[in-house]
Amino acid sequence: AAASVIGERMALFQKAGLFLDVIDIPELAVRNVAALFEEENRGLACVLLTDGGCLLVISFRGELVLARRIDLTAATLAQADEERRQQLLERLALELQRTLDNFDRQYGYVSISRLMLASEFDGRGVVAALADNLYLPVLVMDLAEVMDFPGVPELKGLERQAQGVLAIGLALRT
């Protein structure tokens, strides 16, 4: 981002009496969460599908290797009739397949083990649709596999977890 844009935002925070140590971006927040699910020496594709959009992040050894935004939102899926929803999911699968194929050609040394999906919209339904069209295993991201949330019982729900992935990922920043 341009320094002037960052400067304007920082001025707003300073005016409010809040002083920031860091400014982060969604791609790195998702990478922080994805890194928790990586298998040793294997890459991981992670898709975050929320009302804010769709973000694909590929991480390897805890590093961000690729990030891509895809023009789709959870709200669009939720509002679509069944036929349109199927079309949208097929288009998503095609976009992911193309990206993964291109990634394989450019980063042959990174073997992706699976694709994890965090979704505000019927994560299991999206996983099933993607699994039918992708060569990778596709799994629902369940943060309970890698984290414990005793003080936040709402995070037991997968959709609620998807809503919180960015905040959780930012909290994992080191």
N, C-alpha and C. Protein backbone atom coordinates (compact mmCIF):
# COMPACT_ATOMS: atom_id res chain seq x y z
N ALA A 1 0.84 -1.18 0.00
CA ALA A 1 0.00 0.00 0.00
C ALA A 1 0.88 1.24 0.00
N ALA A 2 0.37 2.28 -0.57
CA ALA A 2 1.12 3.53 -0.62
C ALA A 2 1.32 4.07 0.79
N ALA A 3 2.48 4.67 1.02
CA ALA A 3 2.80 5.23 2.34
C ALA A 3 1.76 6.27 2.76
N SER A 4 1.23 7.02 1.80
CA SER A 4 0.24 8.04 2.14
C SER A 4 -1.04 7.40 2.68
N VAL A 5 -1.45 6.27 2.11
CA VAL A 5 -2.65 5.57 2.59
C VAL A 5 -2.42 5.06 4.00
N ILE A 6 -1.28 4.44 4.23
CA ILE A 6 -0.95 3.93 5.57
C ILE A 6 -0.86 5.09 6.56
N GLY A 7 -0.24 6.18 6.13
CA GLY A 7 -0.11 7.35 7.00
C GLY A 7 -1.46 7.91 7.43
N GLU A 8 -2.41 7.96 6.49
CA GLU A 8 -3.76 8.43 6.82
C GLU A 8 -4.42 7.53 7.87
N ARG A 9 -4.30 6.23 7.68
CA ARG A 9 -4.88 5.28 8.64
C ARG A 9 -4.22 5.41 10.01
N MET A 10 -2.91 5.51 10.02
CA MET A 10 -2.20 5.63 11.29
C MET A 10 -2.60 6.91 12.02
N ALA A 11 -2.82 7.99 11.26
CA ALA A 11 -3.23 9.25 11.88
C ALA A 11 -4.59 9.09 12.56
N LEU A 12 -5.50 8.34 11.96
CA LEU A 12 -6.80 8.09 12.57
C LEU A 12 -6.65 7.35 13.89
N PHE A 13 -5.79 6.34 13.91
CA PHE A 13 -5.58 5.58 15.15
C PHE A 13 -4.92 6.46 16.22
N GLN A 14 -3.93 7.24 15.82
CA GLN A 14 -3.25 8.10 16.78
C GLN A 14 -4.21 9.14 17.36
N LYS A 15 -5.08 9.68 16.52
CA LYS A 15 -6.07 10.66 16.97
C LYS A 15 -7.01 10.04 18.01
N ALA A 16 -7.28 8.74 17.84
CA ALA A 16 -8.15 8.02 18.79
C ALA A 16 -7.38 7.56 20.02
N GLY A 17 -6.08 7.83 20.06
CA GLY A 17 -5.28 7.43 21.22
C GLY A 17 -4.81 5.99 21.16
N LEU A 18 -4.91 5.37 19.99
CA LEU A 18 -4.46 3.99 19.81
C LEU A 18 -3.15 3.99 19.03
N PHE A 19 -2.15 3.34 19.56
CA PHE A 19 -0.86 3.31 18.89
C PHE A 19 -0.57 1.88 18.45
N LEU A 20 -0.33 1.73 17.18
CA LEU A 20 -0.17 0.41 16.57
C LEU A 20 1.29 -0.01 16.56
N ASP A 21 1.51 -1.27 16.87
CA ASP A 21 2.85 -1.83 16.74
C ASP A 21 3.08 -2.34 15.32
N VAL A 22 2.03 -2.91 14.73
CA VAL A 22 2.15 -3.47 13.38
C VAL A 22 0.84 -3.26 12.63
N ILE A 23 0.94 -3.32 11.33
CA ILE A 23 -0.22 -3.37 10.45
C ILE A 23 -0.02 -4.62 9.61
N ASP A 24 -1.01 -5.47 9.56
CA ASP A 24 -0.89 -6.74 8.85
C ASP A 24 -1.91 -6.80 7.73
N ILE A 25 -1.83 -7.84 6.92
CA ILE A 25 -2.74 -8.00 5.80
C ILE A 25 -3.44 -9.36 5.90
N PRO A 26 -4.63 -9.49 5.31
CA PRO A 26 -5.39 -10.75 5.42
C PRO A 26 -4.61 -11.97 4.93
N GLU A 27 -3.85 -11.83 3.87
CA GLU A 27 -3.11 -12.96 3.32
C GLU A 27 -2.16 -13.56 4.36
N LEU A 28 -1.50 -12.70 5.13
CA LEU A 28 -0.58 -13.20 6.15
C LEU A 28 -1.32 -13.76 7.35
N ALA A 29 -2.47 -13.19 7.66
CA ALA A 29 -3.27 -13.74 8.77
C ALA A 29 -3.73 -15.16 8.44
N VAL A 30 -4.20 -15.37 7.20
CA VAL A 30 -4.62 -16.71 6.79
C VAL A 30 -3.42 -17.65 6.77
N ARG A 31 -2.28 -17.16 6.32
CA ARG A 31 -1.06 -17.98 6.32
C ARG A 31 -0.72 -18.43 7.73
N ASN A 32 -0.88 -17.55 8.71
CA ASN A 32 -0.57 -17.90 10.10
C ASN A 32 -1.44 -19.06 10.58
N VAL A 33 -2.70 -19.05 10.21
CA VAL A 33 -3.60 -20.15 10.59
C VAL A 33 -3.26 -21.39 9.78
N ALA A 34 -3.06 -21.23 8.47
CA ALA A 34 -2.76 -22.38 7.61
C ALA A 34 -1.51 -23.12 8.08
N ALA A 35 -0.53 -22.38 8.55
CA ALA A 35 0.73 -23.00 9.00
C ALA A 35 0.49 -24.01 10.11
N LEU A 36 -0.56 -23.81 10.89
CA LEU A 36 -0.88 -24.75 11.97
C LEU A 36 -1.31 -26.11 11.44
N PHE A 37 -1.79 -26.15 10.21
CA PHE A 37 -2.31 -27.38 9.62
C PHE A 37 -1.31 -28.04 8.66
N GLU A 38 -0.18 -27.41 8.41
CA GLU A 38 0.79 -27.96 7.46
C GLU A 38 1.35 -29.29 7.94
N GLU A 39 1.63 -30.15 6.98
CA GLU A 39 2.38 -31.37 7.25
C GLU A 39 3.84 -31.08 6.93
N GLU A 40 4.75 -31.76 7.60
CA GLU A 40 6.17 -31.50 7.41
C GLU A 40 6.58 -31.64 5.95
N ASN A 41 7.27 -30.63 5.46
CA ASN A 41 7.78 -30.58 4.08
C ASN A 41 6.71 -30.72 3.01
N ARG A 42 5.50 -30.31 3.33
CA ARG A 42 4.40 -30.31 2.36
C ARG A 42 3.73 -28.95 2.40
N GLY A 43 3.29 -28.51 1.25
CA GLY A 43 2.55 -27.26 1.17
C GLY A 43 1.09 -27.49 1.54
N LEU A 44 0.40 -26.40 1.84
CA LEU A 44 -1.01 -26.47 2.18
C LEU A 44 -1.74 -25.36 1.45
N ALA A 45 -2.82 -25.72 0.79
CA ALA A 45 -3.71 -24.72 0.19
C ALA A 45 -4.84 -24.47 1.17
N CYS A 46 -5.13 -23.21 1.38
CA CYS A 46 -6.18 -22.83 2.32
C CYS A 46 -7.10 -21.83 1.65
N VAL A 47 -8.40 -22.11 1.68
CA VAL A 47 -9.40 -21.21 1.11
C VAL A 47 -10.25 -20.66 2.25
N LEU A 48 -10.34 -19.34 2.30
CA LEU A 48 -11.21 -18.66 3.24
C LEU A 48 -12.36 -18.05 2.43
N LEU A 49 -13.57 -18.53 2.68
CA LEU A 49 -14.76 -18.07 1.95
C LEU A 49 -15.71 -17.42 2.95
N THR A 50 -15.78 -16.09 2.90
CA THR A 50 -16.61 -15.33 3.84
C THR A 50 -17.48 -14.35 3.06
N ASP A 51 -18.27 -13.59 3.79
CA ASP A 51 -19.06 -12.55 3.15
C ASP A 51 -18.17 -11.45 2.58
N GLY A 52 -16.93 -11.39 3.04
CA GLY A 52 -15.97 -10.41 2.53
C GLY A 52 -15.29 -10.84 1.25
N GLY A 53 -15.39 -12.10 0.88
CA GLY A 53 -14.76 -12.58 -0.35
C GLY A 53 -14.17 -13.96 -0.18
N CYS A 54 -13.41 -14.34 -1.19
CA CYS A 54 -12.78 -15.66 -1.22
C CYS A 54 -11.29 -15.46 -1.42
N LEU A 55 -10.50 -16.04 -0.53
CA LEU A 55 -9.05 -15.89 -0.57
C LEU A 55 -8.40 -17.26 -0.54
N LEU A 56 -7.55 -17.52 -1.52
CA LEU A 56 -6.74 -18.74 -1.55
C LEU A 56 -5.33 -18.38 -1.12
N VAL A 57 -4.81 -19.12 -0.15
CA VAL A 57 -3.44 -18.94 0.31
C VAL A 57 -2.75 -20.29 0.26
N ILE A 58 -1.56 -20.31 -0.30
CA ILE A 58 -0.74 -21.52 -0.26
C ILE A 58 0.48 -21.22 0.59
N SER A 59 0.67 -22.06 1.60
CA SER A 59 1.81 -21.88 2.50
C SER A 59 2.70 -23.12 2.43
N PHE A 60 3.97 -22.91 2.73
CA PHE A 60 4.95 -23.99 2.75
C PHE A 60 5.99 -23.64 3.80
N ARG A 61 6.16 -24.55 4.76
CA ARG A 61 7.10 -24.33 5.86
C ARG A 61 6.82 -23.00 6.58
N GLY A 62 5.55 -22.70 6.74
CA GLY A 62 5.15 -21.50 7.46
C GLY A 62 5.27 -20.21 6.69
N GLU A 63 5.64 -20.29 5.42
CA GLU A 63 5.81 -19.09 4.61
C GLU A 63 4.69 -18.97 3.60
N LEU A 64 4.30 -17.75 3.29
CA LEU A 64 3.31 -17.49 2.25
C LEU A 64 3.99 -17.65 0.89
N VAL A 65 3.47 -18.56 0.08
CA VAL A 65 4.04 -18.80 -1.25
C VAL A 65 3.17 -18.17 -2.33
N LEU A 66 1.86 -18.25 -2.15
CA LEU A 66 0.94 -17.70 -3.14
C LEU A 66 -0.33 -17.23 -2.44
N ALA A 67 -0.87 -16.14 -2.92
CA ALA A 67 -2.16 -15.65 -2.44
C ALA A 67 -2.95 -15.18 -3.65
N ARG A 68 -4.23 -15.53 -3.68
CA ARG A 68 -5.08 -15.13 -4.80
C ARG A 68 -6.49 -14.90 -4.30
N ARG A 69 -7.07 -13.81 -4.72
CA ARG A 69 -8.47 -13.53 -4.43
C ARG A 69 -9.32 -14.06 -5.57
N ILE A 70 -10.45 -14.64 -5.21
CA ILE A 70 -11.38 -15.19 -6.20
C ILE A 70 -12.71 -14.47 -6.01
N ASP A 71 -13.32 -14.08 -7.10
CA ASP A 71 -14.53 -13.27 -7.08
C ASP A 71 -15.74 -14.12 -6.69
N LEU A 72 -15.91 -14.33 -5.38
CA LEU A 72 -17.04 -15.09 -4.85
C LEU A 72 -17.14 -14.77 -3.37
N THR A 73 -18.37 -14.73 -2.86
CA THR A 73 -18.57 -14.52 -1.43
C THR A 73 -19.51 -15.58 -0.88
N ALA A 74 -19.45 -15.79 0.41
CA ALA A 74 -20.36 -16.73 1.07
C ALA A 74 -21.80 -16.24 0.92
N ALA A 75 -21.99 -14.93 0.96
CA ALA A 75 -23.35 -14.37 0.81
C ALA A 75 -23.91 -14.67 -0.57
N THR A 76 -23.08 -14.59 -1.60
CA THR A 76 -23.53 -14.91 -2.95
C THR A 76 -24.01 -16.35 -3.02
N LEU A 77 -23.27 -17.26 -2.41
CA LEU A 77 -23.68 -18.68 -2.39
C LEU A 77 -24.98 -18.85 -1.61
N ALA A 78 -25.08 -18.18 -0.48
CA ALA A 78 -26.26 -18.32 0.37
C ALA A 78 -27.52 -17.82 -0.32
N GLN A 79 -27.40 -16.79 -1.14
CA GLN A 79 -28.56 -16.19 -1.78
C GLN A 79 -28.93 -16.84 -3.11
N ALA A 80 -28.04 -17.66 -3.64
CA ALA A 80 -28.28 -18.28 -4.95
C ALA A 80 -29.25 -19.45 -4.84
N ASP A 81 -30.04 -19.66 -5.89
CA ASP A 81 -30.86 -20.87 -5.93
C ASP A 81 -29.94 -22.05 -6.19
N GLU A 82 -30.47 -23.26 -6.08
CA GLU A 82 -29.63 -24.47 -6.16
C GLU A 82 -28.84 -24.56 -7.47
N GLU A 83 -29.49 -24.25 -8.58
CA GLU A 83 -28.81 -24.34 -9.88
C GLU A 83 -27.66 -23.33 -9.97
N ARG A 84 -27.93 -22.10 -9.56
CA ARG A 84 -26.90 -21.07 -9.60
C ARG A 84 -25.77 -21.39 -8.64
N ARG A 85 -26.12 -21.93 -7.47
CA ARG A 85 -25.10 -22.31 -6.48
C ARG A 85 -24.16 -23.36 -7.07
N GLN A 86 -24.71 -24.34 -7.76
CA GLN A 86 -23.87 -25.37 -8.40
C GLN A 86 -22.94 -24.75 -9.43
N GLN A 87 -23.44 -23.80 -10.21
CA GLN A 87 -22.60 -23.11 -11.19
C GLN A 87 -21.47 -22.36 -10.51
N LEU A 88 -21.79 -21.67 -9.42
CA LEU A 88 -20.78 -20.92 -8.69
C LEU A 88 -19.71 -21.84 -8.10
N LEU A 89 -20.14 -22.96 -7.56
CA LEU A 89 -19.19 -23.92 -6.98
C LEU A 89 -18.32 -24.56 -8.06
N GLU A 90 -18.90 -24.83 -9.21
CA GLU A 90 -18.10 -25.36 -10.33
C GLU A 90 -17.08 -24.34 -10.80
N ARG A 91 -17.49 -23.07 -10.85
CA ARG A 91 -16.56 -22.02 -11.25
C ARG A 91 -15.44 -21.88 -10.22
N LEU A 92 -15.79 -21.96 -8.93
CA LEU A 92 -14.77 -21.90 -7.89
C LEU A 92 -13.79 -23.06 -8.05
N ALA A 93 -14.30 -24.25 -8.25
CA ALA A 93 -13.44 -25.42 -8.43
C ALA A 93 -12.52 -25.23 -9.63
N LEU A 94 -13.05 -24.70 -10.72
CA LEU A 94 -12.24 -24.47 -11.92
C LEU A 94 -11.15 -23.44 -11.65
N GLU A 95 -11.48 -22.36 -10.96
CA GLU A 95 -10.48 -21.34 -10.62
C GLU A 95 -9.39 -21.92 -9.73
N LEU A 96 -9.79 -22.72 -8.76
CA LEU A 96 -8.81 -23.36 -7.87
C LEU A 96 -7.93 -24.34 -8.64
N GLN A 97 -8.56 -25.14 -9.50
CA GLN A 97 -7.79 -26.12 -10.29
C GLN A 97 -6.77 -25.43 -11.18
N ARG A 98 -7.18 -24.37 -11.84
CA ARG A 98 -6.25 -23.63 -12.71
C ARG A 98 -5.09 -23.06 -11.90
N THR A 99 -5.41 -22.50 -10.76
CA THR A 99 -4.37 -21.92 -9.91
C THR A 99 -3.42 -22.99 -9.40
N LEU A 100 -3.97 -24.12 -8.97
CA LEU A 100 -3.13 -25.21 -8.47
C LEU A 100 -2.26 -25.80 -9.57
N ASP A 101 -2.80 -25.93 -10.77
CA ASP A 101 -2.01 -26.43 -11.90
C ASP A 101 -0.86 -25.47 -12.21
N ASN A 102 -1.15 -24.19 -12.24
CA ASN A 102 -0.13 -23.19 -12.49
C ASN A 102 0.92 -23.20 -11.38
N PHE A 103 0.46 -23.35 -10.15
CA PHE A 103 1.37 -23.41 -9.01
C PHE A 103 2.31 -24.61 -9.16
N ASP A 104 1.76 -25.77 -9.52
CA ASP A 104 2.58 -26.97 -9.69
C ASP A 104 3.67 -26.76 -10.74
N ARG A 105 3.35 -26.06 -11.82
CA ARG A 105 4.35 -25.80 -12.86
C ARG A 105 5.43 -24.84 -12.37
N GLN A 106 5.05 -23.84 -11.59
CA GLN A 106 6.01 -22.83 -11.15
C GLN A 106 6.79 -23.23 -9.90
N TYR A 107 6.17 -24.02 -9.04
CA TYR A 107 6.79 -24.39 -7.77
C TYR A 107 6.81 -25.91 -7.64
N GLY A 108 7.45 -26.57 -8.57
CA GLY A 108 7.48 -28.03 -8.59
C GLY A 108 8.08 -28.63 -7.34
N TYR A 109 8.88 -27.89 -6.62
CA TYR A 109 9.51 -28.40 -5.41
C TYR A 109 8.57 -28.38 -4.20
N VAL A 110 7.40 -27.77 -4.34
CA VAL A 110 6.43 -27.72 -3.24
C VAL A 110 5.28 -28.67 -3.57
N SER A 111 5.16 -29.71 -2.80
CA SER A 111 4.08 -30.67 -2.97
C SER A 111 2.96 -30.30 -2.01
N ILE A 112 1.79 -29.97 -2.55
CA ILE A 112 0.65 -29.59 -1.71
C ILE A 112 -0.06 -30.85 -1.26
N SER A 113 -0.24 -30.98 0.04
CA SER A 113 -0.83 -32.21 0.59
C SER A 113 -2.35 -32.21 0.55
N ARG A 114 -2.97 -31.01 0.70
CA ARG A 114 -4.44 -30.95 0.77
C ARG A 114 -4.88 -29.50 0.69
N LEU A 115 -6.18 -29.35 0.55
CA LEU A 115 -6.80 -28.04 0.57
C LEU A 115 -7.73 -27.99 1.77
N MET A 116 -7.56 -26.96 2.60
CA MET A 116 -8.41 -26.76 3.77
C MET A 116 -9.35 -25.60 3.46
N LEU A 117 -10.61 -25.74 3.84
CA LEU A 117 -11.61 -24.71 3.59
C LEU A 117 -12.20 -24.20 4.89
N ALA A 118 -12.15 -22.88 5.07
CA ALA A 118 -12.87 -22.22 6.16
C ALA A 118 -13.95 -21.40 5.48
N SER A 119 -15.21 -21.69 5.79
CA SER A 119 -16.31 -21.05 5.07
C SER A 119 -17.43 -20.63 6.00
N GLU A 120 -17.95 -19.44 5.73
CA GLU A 120 -19.13 -18.96 6.46
C GLU A 120 -20.41 -19.57 5.89
N PHE A 121 -20.30 -20.23 4.74
CA PHE A 121 -21.47 -20.83 4.10
C PHE A 121 -21.28 -22.34 4.01
N ASP A 122 -22.07 -23.11 4.68
CA ASP A 122 -22.12 -24.57 4.55
C ASP A 122 -20.79 -25.17 4.12
N GLY A 123 -19.80 -25.09 5.00
CA GLY A 123 -18.47 -25.58 4.66
C GLY A 123 -18.45 -27.00 4.15
N ARG A 124 -19.26 -27.87 4.73
CA ARG A 124 -19.24 -29.27 4.30
C ARG A 124 -19.79 -29.42 2.88
N GLY A 125 -20.80 -28.63 2.53
CA GLY A 125 -21.35 -28.68 1.17
C GLY A 125 -20.35 -28.18 0.15
N VAL A 126 -19.62 -27.12 0.49
CA VAL A 126 -18.60 -26.58 -0.41
C VAL A 126 -17.46 -27.59 -0.55
N VAL A 127 -17.06 -28.20 0.56
CA VAL A 127 -16.00 -29.22 0.52
C VAL A 127 -16.40 -30.36 -0.41
N ALA A 128 -17.62 -30.84 -0.30
CA ALA A 128 -18.08 -31.94 -1.15
C ALA A 128 -18.03 -31.55 -2.62
N ALA A 129 -18.46 -30.33 -2.93
CA ALA A 129 -18.45 -29.88 -4.32
C ALA A 129 -17.02 -29.75 -4.84
N LEU A 130 -16.11 -29.23 -4.02
CA LEU A 130 -14.72 -29.09 -4.46
C LEU A 130 -14.02 -30.43 -4.56
N ALA A 131 -14.31 -31.33 -3.63
CA ALA A 131 -13.67 -32.65 -3.64
C ALA A 131 -13.99 -33.42 -4.92
N ASP A 132 -15.18 -33.19 -5.47
CA ASP A 132 -15.56 -33.86 -6.71
C ASP A 132 -14.78 -33.35 -7.91
N ASN A 133 -14.17 -32.16 -7.79
CA ASN A 133 -13.54 -31.53 -8.95
C ASN A 133 -12.04 -31.29 -8.82
N LEU A 134 -11.47 -31.52 -7.65
CA LEU A 134 -10.05 -31.26 -7.46
C LEU A 134 -9.30 -32.56 -7.21
N TYR A 135 -8.02 -32.56 -7.57
CA TYR A 135 -7.20 -33.76 -7.38
C TYR A 135 -6.64 -33.87 -5.97
N LEU A 136 -6.75 -32.81 -5.17
CA LEU A 136 -6.27 -32.82 -3.79
C LEU A 136 -7.38 -33.24 -2.84
N PRO A 137 -7.02 -33.83 -1.72
CA PRO A 137 -8.03 -34.01 -0.67
C PRO A 137 -8.50 -32.63 -0.20
N VAL A 138 -9.80 -32.49 0.00
CA VAL A 138 -10.38 -31.22 0.45
C VAL A 138 -11.04 -31.47 1.79
N LEU A 139 -10.66 -30.67 2.79
CA LEU A 139 -11.16 -30.85 4.15
C LEU A 139 -11.69 -29.55 4.71
N VAL A 140 -12.65 -29.64 5.60
CA VAL A 140 -13.12 -28.48 6.34
C VAL A 140 -12.07 -28.13 7.38
N MET A 141 -11.74 -26.86 7.46
CA MET A 141 -10.81 -26.42 8.49
C MET A 141 -11.55 -26.33 9.82
N ASP A 142 -11.09 -27.10 10.78
CA ASP A 142 -11.65 -27.04 12.12
C ASP A 142 -10.53 -26.63 13.06
N LEU A 143 -10.59 -25.40 13.52
CA LEU A 143 -9.53 -24.87 14.37
C LEU A 143 -9.39 -25.63 15.68
N ALA A 144 -10.43 -26.35 16.08
CA ALA A 144 -10.37 -27.14 17.31
C ALA A 144 -9.31 -28.25 17.20
N GLU A 145 -8.89 -28.59 15.99
CA GLU A 145 -7.85 -29.61 15.81
C GLU A 145 -6.47 -29.08 16.22
N VAL A 146 -6.29 -27.76 16.18
CA VAL A 146 -4.97 -27.19 16.44
C VAL A 146 -4.96 -26.15 17.55
N MET A 147 -6.15 -25.80 18.07
CA MET A 147 -6.26 -24.77 19.10
C MET A 147 -7.31 -25.17 20.12
N ASP A 148 -7.25 -24.53 21.27
CA ASP A 148 -8.24 -24.76 22.31
C ASP A 148 -8.89 -23.41 22.63
N PHE A 149 -10.21 -23.38 22.62
CA PHE A 149 -10.95 -22.14 22.87
C PHE A 149 -11.88 -22.30 24.07
N PRO A 150 -11.37 -22.59 25.25
CA PRO A 150 -12.28 -22.83 26.38
C PRO A 150 -13.11 -21.60 26.74
N GLY A 151 -12.59 -20.40 26.52
CA GLY A 151 -13.30 -19.20 26.91
C GLY A 151 -14.23 -18.66 25.84
N VAL A 152 -14.24 -19.31 24.66
CA VAL A 152 -15.07 -18.82 23.55
C VAL A 152 -15.82 -20.00 22.94
N PRO A 153 -16.89 -20.44 23.58
CA PRO A 153 -17.61 -21.62 23.09
C PRO A 153 -18.22 -21.42 21.70
N GLU A 154 -18.43 -20.17 21.30
CA GLU A 154 -18.98 -19.91 19.96
C GLU A 154 -18.06 -20.45 18.87
N LEU A 155 -16.76 -20.53 19.16
CA LEU A 155 -15.80 -20.98 18.15
C LEU A 155 -15.83 -22.49 17.92
N LYS A 156 -16.76 -23.19 18.56
CA LYS A 156 -16.93 -24.60 18.25
C LYS A 156 -17.61 -24.77 16.91
N GLY A 157 -18.36 -23.76 16.47
CA GLY A 157 -19.04 -23.80 15.18
C GLY A 157 -18.09 -23.43 14.06
N LEU A 158 -18.09 -24.23 12.99
CA LEU A 158 -17.16 -24.01 11.88
C LEU A 158 -17.40 -22.68 11.17
N GLU A 159 -18.65 -22.28 11.01
CA GLU A 159 -18.93 -21.00 10.35
C GLU A 159 -18.42 -19.84 11.19
N ARG A 160 -18.59 -19.95 12.49
CA ARG A 160 -18.09 -18.91 13.39
C ARG A 160 -16.57 -18.86 13.36
N GLN A 161 -15.93 -20.02 13.26
CA GLN A 161 -14.48 -20.05 13.13
C GLN A 161 -14.04 -19.31 11.87
N ALA A 162 -14.74 -19.56 10.76
CA ALA A 162 -14.40 -18.90 9.50
C ALA A 162 -14.51 -17.39 9.64
N GLN A 163 -15.52 -16.93 10.37
CA GLN A 163 -15.67 -15.49 10.59
C GLN A 163 -14.50 -14.93 11.38
N GLY A 164 -13.90 -15.74 12.22
CA GLY A 164 -12.81 -15.27 13.07
C GLY A 164 -11.41 -15.59 12.59
N VAL A 165 -11.28 -16.23 11.44
CA VAL A 165 -9.95 -16.65 10.97
C VAL A 165 -8.98 -15.47 10.88
N LEU A 166 -9.42 -14.35 10.33
CA LEU A 166 -8.49 -13.22 10.18
C LEU A 166 -8.03 -12.70 11.55
N ALA A 167 -8.95 -12.56 12.48
CA ALA A 167 -8.56 -12.07 13.81
C ALA A 167 -7.65 -13.07 14.51
N ILE A 168 -7.97 -14.34 14.39
CA ILE A 168 -7.14 -15.38 15.01
C ILE A 168 -5.76 -15.40 14.36
N GLY A 169 -5.73 -15.32 13.04
CA GLY A 169 -4.45 -15.30 12.32
C GLY A 169 -3.61 -14.10 12.70
N LEU A 170 -4.25 -12.95 12.87
CA LEU A 170 -3.49 -11.76 13.29
C LEU A 170 -2.94 -11.94 14.70
N ALA A 171 -3.71 -12.60 15.57
CA ALA A 171 -3.25 -12.83 16.93
C ALA A 171 -2.07 -13.80 16.97
N LEU A 172 -1.94 -14.62 15.93
CA LEU A 172 -0.83 -15.59 15.87
C LEU A 172 0.44 -14.97 15.31
N ARG A 173 0.39 -13.73 14.92
CA ARG A 173 1.56 -13.07 14.31
C ARG A 173 2.74 -13.12 15.27
N THR A 174 3.88 -13.46 14.73
CA THR A 174 5.09 -13.47 15.55
C THR A 174 6.11 -12.49 15.02
